[in-house]
């Protein structure tokens, strides 16, 4: 992740002291959240989430699978996140690759429980960052749920 410059740190500290964020909210106000489900008919589940000016889309494909020997009581979750170059200037070129990988790993930490030795669910989740104005992990997590 990218560190903050001294000027950015000063700006943030000033906002905290005045109980004011850059977008006009107070510290305890949250961004408006809207969720649309079933937006991709070919997927087993899908959603579009908007949090302020952040917009993400997620789709889920579910298959019955067999548990592995290492994890006989768990299914598999494969997550791929794509940060669209139009979502934010920092995503142009190869700028989105590191963030895409970090978001995928953070979301992949959840595994499905199941009955040991029986069939399990294998989930394939694709996320797309359409626009980014902060709270990407929260927006993606809401879209996946």
N, C-alpha and C. Protein backbone atom coordinates (compact mmCIF):
# COMPACT_ATOMS: atom_id res chain seq x y z
N UNK A 1 0.83 -1.18 0.00
CA UNK A 1 0.00 0.00 0.00
C UNK A 1 0.89 1.25 0.00
N UNK A 2 0.35 2.33 -0.47
CA UNK A 2 1.07 3.59 -0.59
C UNK A 2 1.00 4.33 0.74
N UNK A 3 2.14 4.88 1.19
CA UNK A 3 2.17 5.67 2.41
C UNK A 3 1.62 7.06 2.19
N UNK A 4 1.41 7.79 3.27
CA UNK A 4 0.88 9.15 3.20
C UNK A 4 2.02 10.16 3.31
N UNK A 5 1.91 11.24 2.57
CA UNK A 5 2.89 12.31 2.66
C UNK A 5 2.61 13.12 3.93
N UNK A 6 3.56 13.96 4.31
CA UNK A 6 3.37 14.81 5.50
C UNK A 6 2.18 15.74 5.32
N UNK A 7 2.00 16.28 4.11
CA UNK A 7 0.86 17.15 3.84
C UNK A 7 -0.47 16.43 4.00
N UNK A 8 -0.53 15.18 3.52
CA UNK A 8 -1.76 14.39 3.67
C UNK A 8 -2.04 14.09 5.13
N UNK A 9 -0.99 13.76 5.89
CA UNK A 9 -1.16 13.50 7.32
C UNK A 9 -1.68 14.74 8.04
N UNK A 10 -1.13 15.91 7.70
CA UNK A 10 -1.57 17.17 8.31
C UNK A 10 -3.04 17.43 7.97
N UNK A 11 -3.44 17.21 6.73
CA UNK A 11 -4.82 17.41 6.29
C UNK A 11 -5.77 16.49 7.07
N UNK A 12 -5.38 15.22 7.24
CA UNK A 12 -6.21 14.26 7.95
C UNK A 12 -6.33 14.64 9.43
N UNK A 13 -5.22 15.02 10.05
CA UNK A 13 -5.26 15.42 11.47
C UNK A 13 -6.16 16.64 11.67
N UNK A 14 -6.09 17.60 10.74
CA UNK A 14 -6.96 18.78 10.82
C UNK A 14 -8.42 18.40 10.71
N UNK A 15 -8.74 17.46 9.83
CA UNK A 15 -10.12 17.00 9.69
C UNK A 15 -10.62 16.31 10.94
N UNK A 16 -9.75 15.52 11.58
CA UNK A 16 -10.13 14.84 12.82
C UNK A 16 -10.40 15.86 13.91
N UNK A 17 -9.53 16.86 14.02
CA UNK A 17 -9.70 17.90 15.05
C UNK A 17 -10.99 18.68 14.85
N UNK A 18 -11.40 18.87 13.60
CA UNK A 18 -12.62 19.64 13.30
C UNK A 18 -13.85 18.75 13.11
N UNK A 19 -13.69 17.42 13.30
CA UNK A 19 -14.77 16.46 13.10
C UNK A 19 -15.38 16.62 11.71
N UNK A 20 -14.52 16.66 10.69
CA UNK A 20 -14.98 16.88 9.33
C UNK A 20 -14.13 16.08 8.35
N UNK A 21 -14.79 15.35 7.47
CA UNK A 21 -14.09 14.60 6.43
C UNK A 21 -14.03 15.43 5.16
N UNK A 22 -13.20 15.01 4.22
CA UNK A 22 -13.02 15.75 2.97
C UNK A 22 -14.32 15.86 2.17
N UNK A 23 -15.21 14.87 2.32
CA UNK A 23 -16.47 14.90 1.57
C UNK A 23 -17.61 15.56 2.34
N UNK A 24 -17.31 16.17 3.50
CA UNK A 24 -18.32 16.91 4.25
C UNK A 24 -18.99 16.13 5.37
N UNK A 25 -18.75 14.82 5.46
CA UNK A 25 -19.34 14.03 6.53
C UNK A 25 -18.57 14.25 7.83
N UNK A 26 -19.24 13.98 8.96
CA UNK A 26 -18.55 13.97 10.25
C UNK A 26 -17.91 12.60 10.43
N UNK A 27 -17.12 12.45 11.50
CA UNK A 27 -16.43 11.18 11.74
C UNK A 27 -17.40 10.01 11.86
N UNK A 28 -18.55 10.22 12.45
CA UNK A 28 -19.48 9.12 12.72
C UNK A 28 -20.52 8.92 11.63
N UNK A 29 -20.52 9.74 10.60
CA UNK A 29 -21.46 9.54 9.50
C UNK A 29 -20.86 8.55 8.50
N UNK A 30 -21.72 7.70 7.95
CA UNK A 30 -21.24 6.74 6.96
C UNK A 30 -21.82 7.06 5.60
N UNK A 31 -21.21 6.51 4.58
CA UNK A 31 -21.68 6.72 3.21
C UNK A 31 -23.00 5.98 3.01
N UNK A 32 -23.86 6.54 2.17
CA UNK A 32 -25.11 5.87 1.83
C UNK A 32 -24.77 4.58 1.08
N UNK A 33 -25.49 3.51 1.40
CA UNK A 33 -25.24 2.20 0.80
C UNK A 33 -26.49 1.76 0.04
N UNK A 34 -26.31 1.40 -1.24
CA UNK A 34 -27.41 0.82 -2.01
C UNK A 34 -26.93 -0.50 -2.59
N UNK A 35 -27.82 -1.48 -2.59
CA UNK A 35 -27.50 -2.82 -3.09
C UNK A 35 -28.57 -3.24 -4.08
N UNK A 36 -28.15 -3.65 -5.26
CA UNK A 36 -29.04 -4.26 -6.26
C UNK A 36 -28.59 -5.70 -6.43
N UNK A 37 -29.51 -6.64 -6.33
CA UNK A 37 -29.15 -8.05 -6.50
C UNK A 37 -29.70 -8.61 -7.81
N UNK A 38 -29.14 -9.72 -8.23
CA UNK A 38 -29.61 -10.39 -9.43
C UNK A 38 -29.34 -9.63 -10.72
N UNK A 39 -28.24 -8.89 -10.76
CA UNK A 39 -27.97 -8.06 -11.95
C UNK A 39 -27.31 -8.83 -13.09
N UNK A 40 -26.77 -10.01 -12.79
CA UNK A 40 -26.16 -10.85 -13.83
C UNK A 40 -26.92 -12.18 -13.85
N UNK A 41 -27.83 -12.35 -14.80
CA UNK A 41 -28.71 -13.52 -14.80
C UNK A 41 -27.98 -14.86 -14.94
N UNK A 42 -26.80 -14.90 -15.56
CA UNK A 42 -26.07 -16.14 -15.75
C UNK A 42 -25.36 -16.63 -14.48
N UNK A 43 -25.23 -15.78 -13.48
CA UNK A 43 -24.53 -16.13 -12.24
C UNK A 43 -25.50 -16.77 -11.25
N UNK A 44 -24.96 -17.55 -10.30
CA UNK A 44 -25.79 -18.09 -9.23
C UNK A 44 -26.20 -17.00 -8.25
N UNK A 45 -25.44 -15.94 -8.20
CA UNK A 45 -25.76 -14.77 -7.38
C UNK A 45 -24.93 -13.60 -7.86
N UNK A 46 -25.49 -12.41 -7.76
CA UNK A 46 -24.74 -11.23 -8.19
C UNK A 46 -25.32 -10.00 -7.51
N UNK A 47 -24.49 -8.97 -7.40
CA UNK A 47 -24.94 -7.73 -6.79
C UNK A 47 -24.09 -6.56 -7.26
N UNK A 48 -24.73 -5.39 -7.27
CA UNK A 48 -24.04 -4.12 -7.49
C UNK A 48 -24.20 -3.34 -6.19
N UNK A 49 -23.09 -2.85 -5.65
CA UNK A 49 -23.12 -2.07 -4.41
C UNK A 49 -22.55 -0.70 -4.69
N UNK A 50 -23.25 0.30 -4.20
CA UNK A 50 -22.77 1.68 -4.27
C UNK A 50 -22.66 2.21 -2.85
N UNK A 51 -21.48 2.73 -2.53
CA UNK A 51 -21.23 3.40 -1.24
C UNK A 51 -20.67 4.77 -1.58
N UNK A 52 -21.51 5.78 -1.51
CA UNK A 52 -21.07 7.09 -1.95
C UNK A 52 -20.75 7.02 -3.43
N UNK A 53 -19.54 7.43 -3.80
CA UNK A 53 -19.13 7.39 -5.21
C UNK A 53 -18.39 6.11 -5.57
N UNK A 54 -18.28 5.17 -4.62
CA UNK A 54 -17.67 3.87 -4.90
C UNK A 54 -18.74 2.93 -5.43
N UNK A 55 -18.41 2.22 -6.51
CA UNK A 55 -19.34 1.25 -7.09
C UNK A 55 -18.59 -0.03 -7.44
N UNK A 56 -19.13 -1.17 -6.98
CA UNK A 56 -18.54 -2.47 -7.29
C UNK A 56 -19.63 -3.43 -7.74
N UNK A 57 -19.23 -4.42 -8.51
CA UNK A 57 -20.13 -5.48 -8.95
C UNK A 57 -19.47 -6.81 -8.60
N UNK A 58 -20.25 -7.74 -8.07
CA UNK A 58 -19.73 -9.07 -7.76
C UNK A 58 -20.67 -10.13 -8.30
N UNK A 59 -20.09 -11.23 -8.77
CA UNK A 59 -20.89 -12.37 -9.21
C UNK A 59 -20.32 -13.64 -8.59
N UNK A 60 -21.21 -14.60 -8.33
CA UNK A 60 -20.82 -15.85 -7.70
C UNK A 60 -21.30 -17.02 -8.54
N UNK A 61 -20.40 -17.95 -8.79
CA UNK A 61 -20.76 -19.22 -9.43
C UNK A 61 -20.51 -20.30 -8.39
N UNK A 62 -21.50 -21.16 -8.15
CA UNK A 62 -21.40 -22.20 -7.13
C UNK A 62 -21.42 -23.58 -7.80
N UNK A 63 -20.53 -24.46 -7.35
CA UNK A 63 -20.48 -25.83 -7.84
C UNK A 63 -20.32 -26.76 -6.65
N UNK A 64 -20.88 -27.98 -6.76
CA UNK A 64 -20.62 -28.99 -5.74
C UNK A 64 -19.23 -29.55 -5.98
N UNK A 65 -18.48 -29.69 -4.91
CA UNK A 65 -17.12 -30.20 -5.02
C UNK A 65 -16.84 -31.23 -3.95
N UNK A 66 -15.63 -31.74 -3.95
CA UNK A 66 -15.19 -32.70 -2.94
C UNK A 66 -14.17 -32.01 -2.05
N UNK A 67 -14.31 -32.17 -0.73
CA UNK A 67 -13.31 -31.58 0.17
C UNK A 67 -11.93 -32.19 -0.06
N UNK A 68 -10.91 -31.42 0.24
CA UNK A 68 -9.54 -31.91 0.10
C UNK A 68 -9.14 -32.68 1.36
N UNK A 69 -8.08 -33.43 1.26
CA UNK A 69 -7.59 -34.19 2.42
C UNK A 69 -7.13 -33.22 3.52
N UNK A 70 -6.51 -32.11 3.12
CA UNK A 70 -6.03 -31.13 4.11
C UNK A 70 -7.17 -30.43 4.83
N UNK A 71 -8.29 -30.21 4.14
CA UNK A 71 -9.44 -29.51 4.72
C UNK A 71 -10.71 -30.31 4.44
N UNK A 72 -10.91 -31.44 5.16
CA UNK A 72 -12.05 -32.30 4.86
C UNK A 72 -13.40 -31.69 5.22
N UNK A 73 -13.41 -30.60 5.98
CA UNK A 73 -14.68 -29.99 6.39
C UNK A 73 -14.88 -28.61 5.76
N UNK A 74 -14.15 -28.30 4.70
CA UNK A 74 -14.26 -26.98 4.10
C UNK A 74 -14.42 -27.08 2.59
N UNK A 75 -15.12 -26.11 2.05
CA UNK A 75 -15.22 -25.97 0.60
C UNK A 75 -14.09 -25.11 0.09
N UNK A 76 -14.26 -24.58 -1.10
CA UNK A 76 -13.21 -23.76 -1.70
C UNK A 76 -13.83 -22.43 -2.13
N UNK A 77 -13.11 -21.36 -1.89
CA UNK A 77 -13.54 -20.04 -2.33
C UNK A 77 -12.42 -19.46 -3.19
N UNK A 78 -12.71 -19.21 -4.45
CA UNK A 78 -11.74 -18.57 -5.35
C UNK A 78 -12.26 -17.19 -5.68
N UNK A 79 -11.45 -16.19 -5.40
CA UNK A 79 -11.89 -14.80 -5.59
C UNK A 79 -10.92 -14.09 -6.53
N UNK A 80 -11.48 -13.40 -7.50
CA UNK A 80 -10.70 -12.56 -8.40
C UNK A 80 -11.33 -11.18 -8.40
N UNK A 81 -10.53 -10.16 -8.15
CA UNK A 81 -11.01 -8.78 -8.16
C UNK A 81 -10.29 -8.03 -9.27
N UNK A 82 -11.05 -7.34 -10.10
CA UNK A 82 -10.49 -6.54 -11.19
C UNK A 82 -10.79 -5.07 -10.91
N UNK A 83 -9.77 -4.26 -10.87
CA UNK A 83 -9.94 -2.82 -10.67
C UNK A 83 -9.91 -2.15 -12.03
N UNK A 84 -11.05 -1.70 -12.48
CA UNK A 84 -11.17 -1.08 -13.80
C UNK A 84 -10.28 0.16 -13.88
N UNK A 85 -9.56 0.35 -14.98
CA UNK A 85 -8.71 1.53 -15.14
C UNK A 85 -9.51 2.84 -15.08
N UNK A 86 -10.80 2.79 -15.35
CA UNK A 86 -11.62 4.00 -15.29
C UNK A 86 -12.12 4.28 -13.88
N UNK A 87 -11.88 3.36 -12.92
CA UNK A 87 -12.37 3.53 -11.55
C UNK A 87 -11.63 4.65 -10.82
N UNK A 88 -10.34 4.77 -11.08
CA UNK A 88 -9.52 5.80 -10.43
C UNK A 88 -8.24 5.94 -11.24
N UNK A 89 -7.64 7.13 -11.25
CA UNK A 89 -6.40 7.33 -12.02
C UNK A 89 -5.28 6.37 -11.61
N UNK A 90 -5.22 5.99 -10.33
CA UNK A 90 -4.15 5.10 -9.87
C UNK A 90 -4.26 3.69 -10.45
N UNK A 91 -5.40 3.34 -11.05
CA UNK A 91 -5.59 2.01 -11.61
C UNK A 91 -5.17 1.91 -13.07
N UNK A 92 -4.75 3.00 -13.67
CA UNK A 92 -4.34 2.96 -15.08
C UNK A 92 -3.03 2.19 -15.21
N UNK A 93 -2.85 1.55 -16.37
CA UNK A 93 -1.65 0.75 -16.59
C UNK A 93 -1.64 -0.44 -15.66
N UNK A 94 -0.54 -0.64 -14.95
CA UNK A 94 -0.42 -1.77 -14.04
C UNK A 94 -0.71 -1.37 -12.60
N UNK A 95 -1.24 -0.17 -12.40
CA UNK A 95 -1.47 0.34 -11.06
C UNK A 95 -2.48 -0.44 -10.24
N UNK A 96 -3.36 -1.18 -10.90
CA UNK A 96 -4.41 -1.88 -10.16
C UNK A 96 -4.01 -3.28 -9.73
N UNK A 97 -2.91 -3.81 -10.24
CA UNK A 97 -2.57 -5.21 -9.97
C UNK A 97 -2.33 -5.49 -8.50
N UNK A 98 -1.57 -4.64 -7.82
CA UNK A 98 -1.27 -4.86 -6.40
C UNK A 98 -2.54 -4.76 -5.57
N UNK A 99 -3.37 -3.75 -5.82
CA UNK A 99 -4.61 -3.60 -5.07
C UNK A 99 -5.55 -4.76 -5.35
N UNK A 100 -5.65 -5.20 -6.59
CA UNK A 100 -6.49 -6.35 -6.93
C UNK A 100 -6.06 -7.58 -6.14
N UNK A 101 -4.76 -7.82 -6.07
CA UNK A 101 -4.25 -8.97 -5.33
C UNK A 101 -4.55 -8.84 -3.84
N UNK A 102 -4.35 -7.66 -3.26
CA UNK A 102 -4.62 -7.45 -1.84
C UNK A 102 -6.09 -7.65 -1.52
N UNK A 103 -6.97 -7.11 -2.35
CA UNK A 103 -8.41 -7.28 -2.12
C UNK A 103 -8.81 -8.75 -2.25
N UNK A 104 -8.27 -9.45 -3.23
CA UNK A 104 -8.59 -10.86 -3.42
C UNK A 104 -8.18 -11.68 -2.21
N UNK A 105 -6.96 -11.46 -1.70
CA UNK A 105 -6.47 -12.20 -0.54
C UNK A 105 -7.30 -11.88 0.70
N UNK A 106 -7.63 -10.62 0.91
CA UNK A 106 -8.42 -10.24 2.08
C UNK A 106 -9.79 -10.90 2.06
N UNK A 107 -10.42 -10.96 0.91
CA UNK A 107 -11.74 -11.57 0.80
C UNK A 107 -11.67 -13.10 0.83
N UNK A 108 -10.54 -13.67 0.40
CA UNK A 108 -10.41 -15.12 0.32
C UNK A 108 -10.20 -15.77 1.68
N UNK A 109 -9.97 -15.01 2.70
CA UNK A 109 -9.69 -15.58 4.02
C UNK A 109 -10.89 -16.34 4.60
N UNK A 110 -12.05 -16.17 4.01
CA UNK A 110 -13.22 -16.89 4.51
C UNK A 110 -13.38 -18.18 3.71
N UNK A 111 -13.45 -19.29 4.43
CA UNK A 111 -13.67 -20.60 3.80
C UNK A 111 -15.01 -21.14 4.28
N UNK A 112 -15.62 -21.97 3.46
CA UNK A 112 -16.92 -22.54 3.79
C UNK A 112 -16.75 -23.78 4.64
N UNK A 113 -17.52 -23.87 5.70
CA UNK A 113 -17.55 -25.08 6.51
C UNK A 113 -18.51 -26.08 5.89
N UNK A 114 -18.34 -27.33 6.21
CA UNK A 114 -19.23 -28.37 5.69
C UNK A 114 -19.07 -29.62 6.51
N UNK A 115 -19.78 -30.66 6.14
CA UNK A 115 -19.70 -31.93 6.85
C UNK A 115 -18.46 -32.67 6.36
N UNK A 116 -17.66 -33.14 7.29
CA UNK A 116 -16.39 -33.78 6.95
C UNK A 116 -16.61 -34.98 6.02
N UNK A 117 -15.88 -34.99 4.89
CA UNK A 117 -15.93 -36.09 3.95
C UNK A 117 -17.08 -36.03 2.96
N UNK A 118 -18.05 -35.19 3.19
CA UNK A 118 -19.20 -35.09 2.28
C UNK A 118 -18.90 -34.07 1.19
N UNK A 119 -19.88 -33.86 0.33
CA UNK A 119 -19.72 -32.83 -0.71
C UNK A 119 -19.64 -31.45 -0.06
N UNK A 120 -19.02 -30.54 -0.75
CA UNK A 120 -18.91 -29.17 -0.25
C UNK A 120 -19.17 -28.21 -1.40
N UNK A 121 -19.32 -26.96 -1.08
CA UNK A 121 -19.50 -25.93 -2.12
C UNK A 121 -18.14 -25.38 -2.52
N UNK A 122 -17.95 -25.26 -3.80
CA UNK A 122 -16.81 -24.54 -4.36
C UNK A 122 -17.38 -23.27 -4.98
N UNK A 123 -16.95 -22.13 -4.47
CA UNK A 123 -17.46 -20.85 -4.95
C UNK A 123 -16.39 -20.13 -5.77
N UNK A 124 -16.82 -19.58 -6.89
CA UNK A 124 -15.96 -18.78 -7.76
C UNK A 124 -16.56 -17.38 -7.79
N UNK A 125 -15.86 -16.44 -7.20
CA UNK A 125 -16.37 -15.08 -7.04
C UNK A 125 -15.53 -14.12 -7.86
N UNK A 126 -16.20 -13.32 -8.66
CA UNK A 126 -15.53 -12.28 -9.44
C UNK A 126 -16.04 -10.93 -8.97
N UNK A 127 -15.12 -10.02 -8.70
CA UNK A 127 -15.48 -8.66 -8.31
C UNK A 127 -14.91 -7.67 -9.31
N UNK A 128 -15.65 -6.63 -9.56
CA UNK A 128 -15.20 -5.57 -10.47
C UNK A 128 -15.37 -4.24 -9.76
N UNK A 129 -14.29 -3.48 -9.65
CA UNK A 129 -14.35 -2.13 -9.11
C UNK A 129 -14.66 -1.20 -10.27
N UNK A 130 -15.87 -0.65 -10.28
CA UNK A 130 -16.31 0.24 -11.36
C UNK A 130 -15.82 1.65 -11.10
N UNK A 131 -15.98 2.12 -9.84
CA UNK A 131 -15.47 3.43 -9.46
C UNK A 131 -15.01 3.35 -8.01
N UNK A 132 -13.97 4.10 -7.69
CA UNK A 132 -13.36 4.02 -6.37
C UNK A 132 -13.30 5.38 -5.70
N UNK A 133 -13.95 5.46 -4.53
CA UNK A 133 -13.88 6.67 -3.71
C UNK A 133 -13.69 6.27 -2.25
N UNK A 134 -13.03 5.13 -2.04
CA UNK A 134 -12.79 4.62 -0.69
C UNK A 134 -13.73 3.47 -0.35
N UNK A 135 -13.43 2.78 0.74
CA UNK A 135 -14.23 1.67 1.26
C UNK A 135 -14.37 0.52 0.26
N UNK A 136 -13.35 0.25 -0.53
CA UNK A 136 -13.44 -0.83 -1.52
C UNK A 136 -13.68 -2.19 -0.88
N UNK A 137 -12.95 -2.50 0.19
CA UNK A 137 -13.10 -3.80 0.83
C UNK A 137 -14.51 -3.95 1.40
N UNK A 138 -15.03 -2.90 2.04
CA UNK A 138 -16.39 -2.95 2.59
C UNK A 138 -17.42 -3.14 1.49
N UNK A 139 -17.27 -2.41 0.39
CA UNK A 139 -18.23 -2.50 -0.71
C UNK A 139 -18.18 -3.89 -1.35
N UNK A 140 -16.98 -4.44 -1.57
CA UNK A 140 -16.87 -5.77 -2.15
C UNK A 140 -17.43 -6.84 -1.21
N UNK A 141 -17.15 -6.71 0.09
CA UNK A 141 -17.69 -7.67 1.05
C UNK A 141 -19.22 -7.63 1.06
N UNK A 142 -19.80 -6.45 0.98
CA UNK A 142 -21.27 -6.33 0.94
C UNK A 142 -21.82 -6.94 -0.34
N UNK A 143 -21.13 -6.76 -1.46
CA UNK A 143 -21.61 -7.31 -2.73
C UNK A 143 -21.54 -8.84 -2.72
N UNK A 144 -20.54 -9.40 -2.07
CA UNK A 144 -20.39 -10.85 -2.02
C UNK A 144 -21.42 -11.49 -1.09
N UNK A 145 -21.74 -10.81 -0.01
CA UNK A 145 -22.71 -11.38 0.93
C UNK A 145 -24.06 -11.46 0.29
